[in-house]
Amino acid sequence: RRARRAKGVRSKMHGTEERPRLSVYRSNTHMYAQIINDDEGKTLCAYNTRMKDFELDNTWDKEAAELVGKKVAEKALAAGVEKVCFDRSGFKYHGRIASVADGAREGGLKF
């Protein structure tokens, strides 16, 4: 069911070079975020709670999600990306998904 919702969301958005797509995935224990240029089919940068430089103990709460958003924003700005379109991947814009978006905004990305 989530895959069907994600397909509907992705049919309406397309990441370009000047405005790539910030895709977010939420599992029960981890958060993943990546910035994708759909024109070339390349991931420009990514960050998740499984990386070695992740600083928090909990990987499944809103604080962890917000940190993922901030870190992916830092990497995006270093790669020269300032504007993105937010792909919630079929998840409700609520809780940890909204925290990733808020962290990315605090990190300097514009939606």
Protein backbone atom coordinates (compact mmCIF):
# COMPACT_ATOMS: atom_id res chain seq x y z
CA ARG A 1 0.00 0.00 0.00
CA ARG A 2 2.85 2.42 0.82
CA ALA A 3 4.50 1.54 -2.48
CA ARG A 4 1.30 2.50 -4.31
CA ARG A 5 1.19 5.87 -2.51
CA ALA A 6 4.89 6.42 -3.24
CA LYS A 7 4.30 5.75 -6.91
CA GLY A 8 1.60 8.43 -6.97
CA VAL A 9 3.86 10.95 -5.26
CA ARG A 10 6.81 10.20 -7.54
CA SER A 11 4.71 10.45 -10.70
CA LYS A 12 4.16 14.12 -9.90
CA MET A 13 7.76 15.04 -9.05
CA HIS A 14 11.05 14.68 -10.86
CA GLY A 15 14.46 15.64 -9.52
CA THR A 16 16.50 17.79 -11.88
CA GLU A 17 20.03 19.11 -11.72
CA GLU A 18 18.97 22.51 -10.36
CA ARG A 19 16.28 21.04 -8.04
CA PRO A 20 17.00 17.41 -7.13
CA ARG A 21 14.70 15.16 -5.10
CA LEU A 22 15.25 14.61 -1.35
CA SER A 23 13.99 11.06 -0.81
CA VAL A 24 13.34 9.82 2.73
CA TYR A 25 12.85 6.23 3.92
CA ARG A 26 11.77 5.22 7.40
CA SER A 27 12.23 1.72 8.78
CA ASN A 28 11.30 0.63 12.29
CA THR A 29 14.82 1.27 13.59
CA HIS A 30 16.58 3.59 11.10
CA MET A 31 16.13 6.68 8.92
CA TYR A 32 17.60 7.14 5.46
CA ALA A 33 17.76 10.26 3.27
CA GLN A 34 19.33 10.79 -0.12
CA ILE A 35 19.37 13.54 -2.73
CA ILE A 36 18.77 12.24 -6.24
CA ASN A 37 19.12 13.77 -9.71
CA ASP A 38 16.53 11.84 -11.73
CA ASP A 39 17.71 13.27 -15.06
CA GLU A 40 21.02 11.43 -14.74
CA GLY A 41 19.83 8.72 -12.36
CA LYS A 42 22.53 9.59 -9.81
CA THR A 43 22.52 9.98 -6.06
CA LEU A 44 24.30 13.24 -5.25
CA CYS A 45 24.62 12.66 -1.49
CA ALA A 46 23.11 10.52 1.24
CA TYR A 47 23.04 10.11 5.00
CA ASN A 48 21.42 7.62 7.37
CA THR A 49 21.45 6.53 10.99
CA ARG A 50 23.66 3.51 10.22
CA MET A 51 26.71 5.58 9.29
CA LYS A 52 29.77 5.43 11.53
CA ASP A 53 29.79 9.17 12.25
CA PHE A 54 26.21 9.14 13.58
CA GLU A 55 26.39 10.69 17.05
CA LEU A 56 23.21 9.63 18.88
CA ASP A 57 22.48 6.35 20.65
CA ASN A 58 18.87 6.05 19.50
CA THR A 59 18.40 5.67 15.78
CA TRP A 60 14.60 5.58 15.70
CA ASP A 61 13.35 8.78 17.37
CA LYS A 62 12.61 12.29 16.12
CA GLU A 63 15.97 13.65 17.29
CA ALA A 64 17.77 11.09 15.14
CA ALA A 65 15.55 11.97 12.17
CA GLU A 66 16.27 15.67 12.58
CA LEU A 67 20.01 14.98 12.74
CA VAL A 68 19.75 12.97 9.49
CA GLY A 69 18.07 15.97 7.87
CA LYS A 70 20.80 18.35 9.07
CA LYS A 71 23.63 16.07 7.94
CA VAL A 72 22.16 15.46 4.49
CA ALA A 73 21.68 19.24 4.16
CA GLU A 74 25.35 19.81 5.02
CA LYS A 75 26.43 17.29 2.38
CA ALA A 76 24.04 18.79 -0.17
CA LEU A 77 25.34 22.31 0.36
CA ALA A 78 28.90 20.99 -0.02
CA ALA A 79 27.83 19.39 -3.31
CA GLY A 80 26.34 22.69 -4.50
CA VAL A 81 22.65 21.89 -3.99
CA GLU A 82 20.47 24.55 -2.33
CA LYS A 83 16.92 23.78 -3.54
CA VAL A 84 15.27 20.37 -3.39
CA CYS A 85 11.82 18.86 -3.75
CA PHE A 86 10.80 16.67 -0.81
CA ASP A 87 9.82 13.06 -1.56
CA ARG A 88 8.15 11.50 1.48
CA SER A 89 8.07 8.08 -0.28
CA GLY A 90 4.45 7.35 0.55
CA PHE A 91 4.82 8.01 4.28
CA LYS A 92 2.59 10.55 6.02
CA TYR A 93 4.20 13.96 6.53
CA HIS A 94 4.20 13.45 10.28
CA GLY A 95 6.59 12.45 13.07
CA ARG A 96 10.00 11.32 11.91
CA ILE A 97 9.39 12.20 8.25
CA ALA A 98 8.51 15.79 9.22
CA SER A 99 11.56 15.88 11.52
CA VAL A 100 13.87 15.03 8.61
CA ALA A 101 12.31 17.87 6.62
CA ASP A 102 12.66 20.30 9.52
CA GLY A 103 16.31 19.32 10.04
CA ALA A 104 17.04 19.79 6.33
CA ARG A 105 15.45 23.25 6.44
CA GLU A 106 17.54 24.16 9.50
CA GLY A 107 20.60 22.88 7.66
CA GLY A 108 20.00 25.38 4.86
CA LEU A 109 18.02 23.54 2.17
CA LYS A 110 15.05 25.26 0.54
CA PHE A 111 11.97 23.22 -0.41
